[in-house]
């Protein structure tokens, strides 16, 4: 086994199937973690900088991606397990069949929307995906393709897409807070 660290990334190299099986399958729970997503968790953007204004004053407008309390970006630990425990049960193999009616209803809404408005097919597909997940996980109803929940999901996807691959930005490699 070989361990080294480069640019903030820790590497473990295992040179045998036996070592990999022992560490990753049998004892993986002890070592499991996710990388630190500095860009998504901690990055603060000064809006005034974008507008060519000074950010040193206290009433400066800042925007924080700050997605660290969400399950997607959480590191392995008590907070991760708490979020997973709350969000996983509706998606277990034994419970997903109870959502077939909801899925059929949303599929019909999606198909009708696409037939009636073929140029707007992407918005109907987006509504289909978001509506099912939000209702199952949070009990939220999506009232159509112009729903603020759809806009929030779209904005989030755009922010993630434009930020590059998770855990690979310059901020992730050289975090200022360390």
N, C-alpha and C. Protein backbone atom coordinates (compact mmCIF):
# COMPACT_ATOMS: atom_id res chain seq x y z
N UNK A 1 0.86 -1.17 0.00
CA UNK A 1 0.00 0.00 0.00
C UNK A 1 0.90 1.23 0.00
N UNK A 2 0.49 2.23 -0.77
CA UNK A 2 1.25 3.47 -0.89
C UNK A 2 0.29 4.63 -0.67
N UNK A 3 0.70 5.63 0.11
CA UNK A 3 -0.12 6.81 0.35
C UNK A 3 0.71 8.04 -0.01
N UNK A 4 0.08 9.00 -0.71
CA UNK A 4 0.73 10.29 -0.94
C UNK A 4 -0.35 11.35 -1.13
N UNK A 5 0.07 12.60 -1.03
CA UNK A 5 -0.86 13.72 -1.15
C UNK A 5 -0.29 14.72 -2.15
N UNK A 6 -1.12 15.13 -3.12
CA UNK A 6 -0.70 16.12 -4.11
C UNK A 6 -1.80 17.16 -4.27
N UNK A 7 -1.43 18.40 -4.18
CA UNK A 7 -2.36 19.52 -4.39
C UNK A 7 -3.68 19.33 -3.65
N UNK A 8 -3.60 18.91 -2.40
CA UNK A 8 -4.79 18.77 -1.57
C UNK A 8 -5.56 17.48 -1.75
N UNK A 9 -5.12 16.61 -2.67
CA UNK A 9 -5.80 15.34 -2.89
C UNK A 9 -4.99 14.22 -2.26
N UNK A 10 -5.65 13.41 -1.44
CA UNK A 10 -5.00 12.27 -0.81
C UNK A 10 -5.19 11.04 -1.69
N UNK A 11 -4.11 10.31 -1.91
CA UNK A 11 -4.13 9.13 -2.78
C UNK A 11 -3.71 7.90 -1.99
N UNK A 12 -4.42 6.81 -2.20
CA UNK A 12 -4.04 5.51 -1.66
C UNK A 12 -3.95 4.56 -2.84
N UNK A 13 -2.79 3.95 -3.01
CA UNK A 13 -2.58 3.01 -4.10
C UNK A 13 -2.46 1.61 -3.49
N UNK A 14 -3.32 0.72 -3.93
CA UNK A 14 -3.30 -0.67 -3.46
C UNK A 14 -2.81 -1.54 -4.61
N UNK A 15 -1.86 -2.41 -4.33
CA UNK A 15 -1.26 -3.18 -5.42
C UNK A 15 -1.71 -4.64 -5.47
N UNK A 16 -2.77 -4.97 -4.71
CA UNK A 16 -3.25 -6.34 -4.80
C UNK A 16 -4.77 -6.37 -4.61
N UNK A 17 -5.38 -7.35 -5.23
CA UNK A 17 -6.82 -7.53 -5.10
C UNK A 17 -7.19 -7.81 -3.65
N UNK A 18 -6.37 -8.56 -2.95
CA UNK A 18 -6.64 -8.88 -1.55
C UNK A 18 -6.67 -7.62 -0.68
N UNK A 19 -5.70 -6.72 -0.88
CA UNK A 19 -5.66 -5.47 -0.11
C UNK A 19 -6.87 -4.60 -0.44
N UNK A 20 -7.22 -4.54 -1.71
CA UNK A 20 -8.37 -3.74 -2.12
C UNK A 20 -9.66 -4.30 -1.52
N UNK A 21 -9.83 -5.59 -1.55
CA UNK A 21 -11.02 -6.22 -0.98
C UNK A 21 -11.09 -5.98 0.52
N UNK A 22 -9.97 -6.17 1.20
CA UNK A 22 -9.93 -5.98 2.65
C UNK A 22 -10.27 -4.55 3.05
N UNK A 23 -9.65 -3.58 2.39
CA UNK A 23 -9.84 -2.18 2.78
C UNK A 23 -11.14 -1.57 2.25
N UNK A 24 -11.51 -1.88 1.03
CA UNK A 24 -12.65 -1.21 0.41
C UNK A 24 -13.98 -1.93 0.64
N UNK A 25 -13.98 -3.24 0.65
CA UNK A 25 -15.24 -3.96 0.84
C UNK A 25 -15.49 -4.31 2.30
N UNK A 26 -14.50 -4.88 2.95
CA UNK A 26 -14.72 -5.34 4.33
C UNK A 26 -14.68 -4.20 5.34
N UNK A 27 -13.78 -3.22 5.13
CA UNK A 27 -13.64 -2.13 6.10
C UNK A 27 -13.90 -0.77 5.47
N UNK A 28 -14.55 -0.74 4.33
CA UNK A 28 -14.79 0.51 3.61
C UNK A 28 -15.56 1.54 4.41
N UNK A 29 -16.48 1.09 5.24
CA UNK A 29 -17.28 2.01 6.06
C UNK A 29 -16.38 2.85 6.96
N UNK A 30 -15.27 2.28 7.41
CA UNK A 30 -14.34 3.01 8.28
C UNK A 30 -13.58 4.11 7.55
N UNK A 31 -13.40 3.96 6.23
CA UNK A 31 -12.55 4.87 5.49
C UNK A 31 -13.32 5.73 4.48
N UNK A 32 -14.58 5.48 4.32
CA UNK A 32 -15.35 6.16 3.29
C UNK A 32 -15.44 7.66 3.57
N UNK A 33 -15.37 8.44 2.53
CA UNK A 33 -15.55 9.88 2.63
C UNK A 33 -15.71 10.43 1.23
N UNK A 34 -16.00 11.70 1.18
CA UNK A 34 -16.09 12.40 -0.09
C UNK A 34 -15.04 13.50 -0.07
N UNK A 35 -14.65 13.96 -1.25
CA UNK A 35 -13.70 15.08 -1.25
C UNK A 35 -14.36 16.34 -0.70
N UNK A 36 -13.55 17.29 -0.33
CA UNK A 36 -14.07 18.58 0.14
C UNK A 36 -14.40 19.41 -1.10
N UNK A 37 -15.64 19.84 -1.23
CA UNK A 37 -16.09 20.62 -2.38
C UNK A 37 -16.09 22.11 -2.02
N UNK A 38 -14.90 22.69 -1.96
CA UNK A 38 -14.77 24.08 -1.52
C UNK A 38 -15.61 25.00 -2.38
N UNK A 39 -15.56 24.82 -3.68
CA UNK A 39 -16.30 25.69 -4.60
C UNK A 39 -17.79 25.70 -4.28
N UNK A 40 -18.35 24.56 -4.00
CA UNK A 40 -19.78 24.47 -3.77
C UNK A 40 -20.17 24.72 -2.32
N UNK A 41 -19.28 24.39 -1.39
CA UNK A 41 -19.61 24.50 0.03
C UNK A 41 -19.33 25.88 0.60
N UNK A 42 -18.20 26.47 0.23
CA UNK A 42 -17.71 27.63 0.96
C UNK A 42 -17.50 28.88 0.13
N UNK A 43 -17.54 28.78 -1.17
CA UNK A 43 -17.21 29.91 -2.03
C UNK A 43 -18.16 31.08 -1.82
N UNK A 44 -17.61 32.26 -1.62
CA UNK A 44 -18.39 33.48 -1.48
C UNK A 44 -18.00 34.40 -2.62
N UNK A 45 -18.96 34.83 -3.38
CA UNK A 45 -18.74 35.71 -4.52
C UNK A 45 -19.23 37.10 -4.18
N UNK A 46 -18.39 38.08 -4.35
CA UNK A 46 -18.81 39.45 -4.10
C UNK A 46 -19.47 39.98 -5.36
N UNK A 47 -20.78 40.20 -5.30
CA UNK A 47 -21.53 40.70 -6.45
C UNK A 47 -21.01 42.07 -6.86
N UNK A 48 -20.60 42.89 -5.88
CA UNK A 48 -20.10 44.22 -6.19
C UNK A 48 -18.84 44.16 -7.05
N UNK A 49 -18.03 43.11 -6.90
CA UNK A 49 -16.84 42.95 -7.73
C UNK A 49 -17.25 42.79 -9.19
N UNK A 50 -18.29 42.02 -9.40
CA UNK A 50 -18.79 41.84 -10.77
C UNK A 50 -19.29 43.15 -11.36
N UNK A 51 -19.77 44.02 -10.49
CA UNK A 51 -20.28 45.32 -10.92
C UNK A 51 -19.20 46.40 -10.84
N UNK A 52 -17.94 45.98 -10.60
CA UNK A 52 -16.79 46.88 -10.50
C UNK A 52 -16.93 47.87 -9.35
N UNK A 53 -17.47 47.41 -8.23
CA UNK A 53 -17.56 48.23 -7.04
C UNK A 53 -16.72 47.60 -5.94
N UNK A 54 -16.46 48.34 -4.91
CA UNK A 54 -15.62 47.90 -3.80
C UNK A 54 -16.38 46.93 -2.90
N UNK A 55 -15.74 45.82 -2.49
CA UNK A 55 -16.36 44.82 -1.62
C UNK A 55 -15.91 44.94 -0.18
N UNK A 56 -15.10 45.94 0.15
CA UNK A 56 -14.56 46.02 1.50
C UNK A 56 -15.56 46.57 2.51
N UNK A 57 -16.63 47.22 2.05
CA UNK A 57 -17.59 47.77 3.00
C UNK A 57 -18.53 46.69 3.52
N UNK A 58 -19.11 46.90 4.69
CA UNK A 58 -19.89 45.87 5.38
C UNK A 58 -21.23 45.57 4.71
N UNK A 59 -21.76 46.50 3.95
CA UNK A 59 -23.05 46.23 3.32
C UNK A 59 -22.88 45.71 1.88
N UNK A 60 -21.71 45.17 1.59
CA UNK A 60 -21.42 44.61 0.28
C UNK A 60 -22.39 43.45 0.00
N UNK A 61 -22.77 43.28 -1.25
CA UNK A 61 -23.67 42.19 -1.65
C UNK A 61 -22.85 40.95 -1.97
N UNK A 62 -23.07 39.90 -1.23
CA UNK A 62 -22.34 38.65 -1.50
C UNK A 62 -23.32 37.54 -1.79
N UNK A 63 -22.84 36.59 -2.56
CA UNK A 63 -23.62 35.40 -2.87
C UNK A 63 -22.77 34.20 -2.51
N UNK A 64 -23.34 33.28 -1.80
CA UNK A 64 -22.61 32.09 -1.35
C UNK A 64 -23.26 30.88 -1.99
N UNK A 65 -22.44 30.08 -2.65
CA UNK A 65 -23.00 28.82 -3.14
C UNK A 65 -23.47 28.04 -1.93
N UNK A 66 -22.64 27.93 -0.91
CA UNK A 66 -23.00 27.43 0.41
C UNK A 66 -23.92 26.22 0.43
N UNK A 67 -23.65 25.22 -0.38
CA UNK A 67 -24.53 24.06 -0.45
C UNK A 67 -24.09 22.96 0.49
N UNK A 68 -23.21 23.27 1.44
CA UNK A 68 -22.69 22.22 2.32
C UNK A 68 -23.74 21.50 3.15
N UNK A 69 -24.87 22.13 3.52
CA UNK A 69 -25.80 21.34 4.30
C UNK A 69 -26.64 20.36 3.47
N UNK A 70 -26.41 20.27 2.17
CA UNK A 70 -27.18 19.34 1.36
C UNK A 70 -26.45 18.00 1.24
N UNK A 71 -27.18 16.93 1.14
CA UNK A 71 -26.63 15.58 1.12
C UNK A 71 -25.59 15.40 0.01
N UNK A 72 -25.80 16.01 -1.12
CA UNK A 72 -24.90 15.85 -2.26
C UNK A 72 -23.47 16.22 -1.94
N UNK A 73 -23.27 17.26 -1.13
CA UNK A 73 -21.93 17.77 -0.88
C UNK A 73 -21.38 17.44 0.51
N UNK A 74 -22.17 16.83 1.36
CA UNK A 74 -21.72 16.57 2.73
C UNK A 74 -20.59 15.56 2.79
N UNK A 75 -19.65 15.81 3.69
CA UNK A 75 -18.58 14.86 3.97
C UNK A 75 -19.16 13.74 4.83
N UNK A 76 -18.48 12.61 4.85
CA UNK A 76 -18.90 11.46 5.64
C UNK A 76 -18.84 11.82 7.12
N UNK A 77 -19.89 11.52 7.85
CA UNK A 77 -19.89 11.81 9.29
C UNK A 77 -21.31 11.89 9.81
N UNK A 78 -21.50 12.38 11.04
CA UNK A 78 -22.82 12.41 11.67
C UNK A 78 -23.86 13.22 10.88
N UNK A 79 -23.45 14.38 10.36
CA UNK A 79 -24.40 15.22 9.61
C UNK A 79 -24.84 14.52 8.32
N UNK A 80 -23.88 13.87 7.64
CA UNK A 80 -24.19 13.11 6.43
C UNK A 80 -25.19 12.00 6.74
N UNK A 81 -24.93 11.25 7.80
CA UNK A 81 -25.81 10.14 8.16
C UNK A 81 -27.21 10.62 8.55
N UNK A 82 -27.30 11.76 9.21
CA UNK A 82 -28.60 12.32 9.58
C UNK A 82 -29.40 12.68 8.32
N UNK A 83 -28.76 13.38 7.37
CA UNK A 83 -29.44 13.74 6.12
C UNK A 83 -29.83 12.50 5.32
N UNK A 84 -28.92 11.55 5.22
CA UNK A 84 -29.21 10.33 4.47
C UNK A 84 -30.35 9.54 5.10
N UNK A 85 -30.36 9.49 6.43
CA UNK A 85 -31.42 8.77 7.14
C UNK A 85 -32.78 9.40 6.86
N UNK A 86 -32.82 10.72 6.74
CA UNK A 86 -34.08 11.41 6.48
C UNK A 86 -34.53 11.27 5.02
N UNK A 87 -33.59 11.27 4.09
CA UNK A 87 -33.95 11.29 2.67
C UNK A 87 -33.97 9.93 1.98
N UNK A 88 -33.29 8.93 2.52
CA UNK A 88 -33.20 7.65 1.84
C UNK A 88 -34.46 6.78 1.90
N UNK A 89 -35.18 6.72 3.02
CA UNK A 89 -36.30 5.77 3.11
C UNK A 89 -37.31 5.81 1.96
N UNK A 90 -37.70 6.99 1.46
CA UNK A 90 -38.68 6.96 0.36
C UNK A 90 -38.16 6.32 -0.91
N UNK A 91 -36.84 6.19 -1.06
CA UNK A 91 -36.27 5.70 -2.30
C UNK A 91 -35.74 4.27 -2.20
N UNK A 92 -36.09 3.55 -1.14
CA UNK A 92 -35.64 2.16 -1.02
C UNK A 92 -36.41 1.27 -1.99
N UNK A 93 -35.84 0.13 -2.30
CA UNK A 93 -36.43 -0.80 -3.27
C UNK A 93 -37.84 -1.21 -2.88
N UNK A 94 -38.09 -1.38 -1.60
CA UNK A 94 -39.41 -1.84 -1.15
C UNK A 94 -40.46 -0.73 -1.18
N UNK A 95 -40.05 0.54 -1.24
CA UNK A 95 -41.02 1.63 -1.17
C UNK A 95 -41.28 2.32 -2.50
N UNK A 96 -40.44 2.14 -3.49
CA UNK A 96 -40.60 2.88 -4.73
C UNK A 96 -41.88 2.52 -5.48
N UNK A 97 -42.38 1.32 -5.33
CA UNK A 97 -43.60 0.94 -6.06
C UNK A 97 -44.81 1.78 -5.64
N UNK A 98 -44.79 2.33 -4.45
CA UNK A 98 -45.93 3.15 -4.01
C UNK A 98 -46.01 4.48 -4.76
N UNK A 99 -44.98 4.80 -5.52
CA UNK A 99 -44.97 6.07 -6.27
C UNK A 99 -45.37 5.90 -7.73
N UNK A 100 -45.78 4.70 -8.11
CA UNK A 100 -46.14 4.45 -9.51
C UNK A 100 -47.28 5.35 -9.96
N UNK A 101 -48.27 5.58 -9.11
CA UNK A 101 -49.40 6.44 -9.48
C UNK A 101 -48.92 7.87 -9.72
N UNK A 102 -48.09 8.37 -8.84
CA UNK A 102 -47.52 9.71 -9.01
C UNK A 102 -46.71 9.80 -10.30
N UNK A 103 -45.90 8.78 -10.57
CA UNK A 103 -45.08 8.78 -11.78
C UNK A 103 -45.95 8.76 -13.03
N UNK A 104 -47.02 7.94 -13.01
CA UNK A 104 -47.94 7.90 -14.17
C UNK A 104 -48.61 9.26 -14.37
N UNK A 105 -49.07 9.86 -13.27
CA UNK A 105 -49.73 11.18 -13.36
C UNK A 105 -48.77 12.21 -13.96
N UNK A 106 -47.53 12.25 -13.46
CA UNK A 106 -46.56 13.23 -13.97
C UNK A 106 -46.16 12.90 -15.41
N UNK A 107 -46.10 11.61 -15.76
CA UNK A 107 -45.79 11.23 -17.14
C UNK A 107 -46.89 11.71 -18.10
N UNK A 108 -48.15 11.58 -17.68
CA UNK A 108 -49.27 12.05 -18.51
C UNK A 108 -49.22 13.57 -18.68
N UNK A 109 -48.94 14.28 -17.59
CA UNK A 109 -48.82 15.75 -17.66
C UNK A 109 -47.69 16.13 -18.61
N UNK A 110 -46.58 15.42 -18.50
CA UNK A 110 -45.42 15.68 -19.36
C UNK A 110 -45.75 15.43 -20.83
N UNK A 111 -46.34 14.29 -21.12
CA UNK A 111 -46.68 13.94 -22.51
C UNK A 111 -47.68 14.93 -23.11
N UNK A 112 -48.70 15.27 -22.34
CA UNK A 112 -49.69 16.23 -22.83
C UNK A 112 -49.04 17.58 -23.10
N UNK A 113 -48.18 18.01 -22.18
CA UNK A 113 -47.48 19.28 -22.37
C UNK A 113 -46.61 19.27 -23.61
N UNK A 114 -45.92 18.15 -23.85
CA UNK A 114 -45.06 18.04 -25.03
C UNK A 114 -45.86 18.01 -26.32
N UNK A 115 -47.03 17.36 -26.27
CA UNK A 115 -47.88 17.30 -27.47
C UNK A 115 -48.48 18.68 -27.76
N UNK A 116 -48.96 19.35 -26.72
CA UNK A 116 -49.58 20.67 -26.89
C UNK A 116 -48.56 21.76 -27.19
N UNK A 117 -47.34 21.63 -26.66
CA UNK A 117 -46.30 22.65 -26.82
C UNK A 117 -44.97 21.98 -27.18
N UNK A 118 -44.84 21.44 -28.40
CA UNK A 118 -43.64 20.67 -28.75
C UNK A 118 -42.34 21.48 -28.68
N UNK A 119 -42.41 22.78 -28.91
CA UNK A 119 -41.19 23.59 -28.84
C UNK A 119 -40.70 23.76 -27.40
N UNK A 120 -41.55 23.46 -26.44
CA UNK A 120 -41.23 23.63 -25.02
C UNK A 120 -40.98 22.29 -24.35
N UNK A 121 -40.57 21.28 -25.11
CA UNK A 121 -40.42 19.91 -24.59
C UNK A 121 -39.44 19.83 -23.43
N UNK A 122 -38.36 20.62 -23.46
CA UNK A 122 -37.36 20.54 -22.40
C UNK A 122 -37.94 20.98 -21.05
N UNK A 123 -38.76 22.01 -21.06
CA UNK A 123 -39.39 22.46 -19.81
C UNK A 123 -40.33 21.41 -19.25
N UNK A 124 -41.05 20.70 -20.13
CA UNK A 124 -41.95 19.64 -19.66
C UNK A 124 -41.17 18.46 -19.10
N UNK A 125 -40.06 18.12 -19.75
CA UNK A 125 -39.21 17.04 -19.24
C UNK A 125 -38.60 17.42 -17.89
N UNK A 126 -38.19 18.67 -17.76
CA UNK A 126 -37.63 19.16 -16.50
C UNK A 126 -38.69 19.10 -15.40
N UNK A 127 -39.91 19.52 -15.72
CA UNK A 127 -40.98 19.47 -14.73
C UNK A 127 -41.24 18.04 -14.28
N UNK A 128 -41.25 17.11 -15.23
CA UNK A 128 -41.48 15.70 -14.91
C UNK A 128 -40.48 15.21 -13.86
N UNK A 129 -39.19 15.47 -14.11
CA UNK A 129 -38.14 14.98 -13.20
C UNK A 129 -38.21 15.67 -11.84
N UNK A 130 -38.34 16.97 -11.84
CA UNK A 130 -38.33 17.73 -10.58
C UNK A 130 -39.59 17.45 -9.76
N UNK A 131 -40.73 17.37 -10.40
CA UNK A 131 -42.00 17.17 -9.68
C UNK A 131 -42.01 15.86 -8.90
N UNK A 132 -41.52 14.81 -9.50
CA UNK A 132 -41.53 13.51 -8.82
C UNK A 132 -40.61 13.52 -7.60
N UNK A 133 -39.39 13.99 -7.78
CA UNK A 133 -38.43 13.98 -6.67
C UNK A 133 -38.89 14.90 -5.54
N UNK A 134 -39.36 16.09 -5.86
CA UNK A 134 -39.77 17.03 -4.80
C UNK A 134 -40.99 16.54 -4.04
N UNK A 135 -41.92 15.90 -4.73
CA UNK A 135 -43.09 15.40 -4.01
C UNK A 135 -42.74 14.21 -3.12
N UNK A 136 -41.91 13.32 -3.62
CA UNK A 136 -41.54 12.15 -2.81
C UNK A 136 -40.69 12.56 -1.61
N UNK A 137 -39.65 13.36 -1.86
CA UNK A 137 -38.69 13.69 -0.80
C UNK A 137 -39.21 14.73 0.18
N UNK A 138 -39.96 15.72 -0.32
CA UNK A 138 -40.33 16.85 0.54
C UNK A 138 -41.84 17.13 0.61
N UNK A 139 -42.63 16.40 -0.16
CA UNK A 139 -44.07 16.65 -0.17
C UNK A 139 -44.47 17.92 -0.89
N UNK A 140 -43.58 18.45 -1.73
CA UNK A 140 -43.85 19.70 -2.45
C UNK A 140 -44.50 19.41 -3.79
N UNK A 141 -45.50 20.19 -4.13
CA UNK A 141 -46.18 20.06 -5.42
C UNK A 141 -45.61 21.09 -6.40
N UNK A 142 -45.38 20.66 -7.62
CA UNK A 142 -44.90 21.54 -8.68
C UNK A 142 -46.10 21.90 -9.54
N UNK A 143 -46.37 23.19 -9.66
CA UNK A 143 -47.61 23.65 -10.29
C UNK A 143 -47.49 23.93 -11.78
N UNK A 144 -46.46 23.48 -12.43
CA UNK A 144 -46.32 23.69 -13.86
C UNK A 144 -44.89 24.05 -14.21
N UNK A 145 -44.60 24.13 -15.52
CA UNK A 145 -43.22 24.37 -15.94
C UNK A 145 -42.67 25.73 -15.50
N UNK A 146 -43.53 26.66 -15.11
CA UNK A 146 -43.04 27.97 -14.66
C UNK A 146 -42.93 28.04 -13.13
N UNK A 147 -43.05 26.91 -12.46
CA UNK A 147 -42.96 26.84 -11.00
C UNK A 147 -41.59 27.34 -10.53
N UNK A 148 -41.56 28.05 -9.40
CA UNK A 148 -40.25 28.48 -8.86
C UNK A 148 -39.35 27.30 -8.51
N UNK A 149 -39.93 26.14 -8.21
CA UNK A 149 -39.11 24.96 -7.92
C UNK A 149 -38.35 24.51 -9.16
N UNK A 150 -39.00 24.60 -10.31
CA UNK A 150 -38.34 24.24 -11.57
C UNK A 150 -37.20 25.22 -11.84
N UNK A 151 -37.46 26.51 -11.61
CA UNK A 151 -36.43 27.53 -11.83
C UNK A 151 -35.25 27.31 -10.89
N UNK A 152 -35.52 26.98 -9.64
CA UNK A 152 -34.45 26.71 -8.68
C UNK A 152 -33.60 25.52 -9.11
N UNK A 153 -34.24 24.45 -9.56
CA UNK A 153 -33.50 23.28 -10.04
C UNK A 153 -32.67 23.63 -11.26
N UNK A 154 -33.22 24.42 -12.17
CA UNK A 154 -32.50 24.83 -13.37
C UNK A 154 -31.31 25.72 -13.02
N UNK A 155 -31.52 26.68 -12.12
CA UNK A 155 -30.43 27.57 -11.70
C UNK A 155 -29.31 26.78 -11.03
N UNK A 156 -29.68 25.81 -10.21
CA UNK A 156 -28.69 24.98 -9.53
C UNK A 156 -27.89 24.17 -10.54
N UNK A 157 -28.56 23.55 -11.49
CA UNK A 157 -27.87 22.77 -12.52
C UNK A 157 -26.93 23.66 -13.33
N UNK A 158 -27.37 24.87 -13.67
CA UNK A 158 -26.51 25.80 -14.42
C UNK A 158 -25.29 26.20 -13.60
N UNK A 159 -25.48 26.51 -12.32
CA UNK A 159 -24.35 26.91 -11.46
C UNK A 159 -23.34 25.77 -11.35
N UNK A 160 -23.81 24.56 -11.17
CA UNK A 160 -22.91 23.41 -11.05
C UNK A 160 -22.19 23.17 -12.38
N UNK A 161 -22.94 23.23 -13.48
CA UNK A 161 -22.35 23.00 -14.79
C UNK A 161 -21.30 24.03 -15.16
N UNK A 162 -21.52 25.27 -14.81
CA UNK A 162 -20.56 26.33 -15.15
C UNK A 162 -19.39 26.40 -14.18
N UNK A 163 -19.48 25.70 -13.07
CA UNK A 163 -18.41 25.73 -12.07
C UNK A 163 -17.34 24.68 -12.31
N UNK A 164 -17.55 23.81 -13.26
CA UNK A 164 -16.58 22.76 -13.54
C UNK A 164 -16.89 21.50 -12.76
N UNK A 165 -16.04 20.53 -12.95
CA UNK A 165 -16.23 19.24 -12.27
C UNK A 165 -16.08 19.41 -10.77
N UNK A 166 -16.96 18.81 -9.98
CA UNK A 166 -16.85 18.92 -8.52
C UNK A 166 -15.49 18.46 -8.01
N UNK A 167 -14.97 19.19 -7.04
CA UNK A 167 -13.69 18.89 -6.38
C UNK A 167 -12.49 19.03 -7.30
N UNK A 168 -12.63 19.75 -8.42
CA UNK A 168 -11.49 19.90 -9.33
C UNK A 168 -11.14 21.34 -9.63
N UNK A 169 -11.83 22.30 -9.01
CA UNK A 169 -11.52 23.70 -9.27
C UNK A 169 -10.23 24.10 -8.55
N UNK A 170 -9.68 25.23 -8.92
CA UNK A 170 -8.48 25.73 -8.27
C UNK A 170 -8.73 25.97 -6.77
N UNK A 171 -9.97 26.35 -6.43
CA UNK A 171 -10.32 26.56 -5.01
C UNK A 171 -10.33 25.24 -4.24
N UNK A 172 -10.70 24.17 -4.91
CA UNK A 172 -10.68 22.86 -4.26
C UNK A 172 -9.25 22.36 -4.05
N UNK A 173 -8.37 22.67 -4.97
CA UNK A 173 -6.98 22.24 -4.88
C UNK A 173 -6.16 23.06 -3.90
N UNK A 174 -6.45 24.36 -3.85
CA UNK A 174 -5.72 25.28 -2.96
C UNK A 174 -6.71 26.13 -2.16
N UNK A 175 -7.44 25.52 -1.23
CA UNK A 175 -8.44 26.29 -0.49
C UNK A 175 -7.80 27.35 0.40
N UNK A 176 -8.37 28.55 0.38
CA UNK A 176 -7.83 29.66 1.17
C UNK A 176 -8.08 29.47 2.64
N UNK A 177 -9.10 28.69 3.01
CA UNK A 177 -9.47 28.56 4.42
C UNK A 177 -8.62 27.54 5.17
N UNK A 178 -7.69 26.90 4.52
CA UNK A 178 -6.83 25.93 5.24
C UNK A 178 -5.56 26.58 5.68
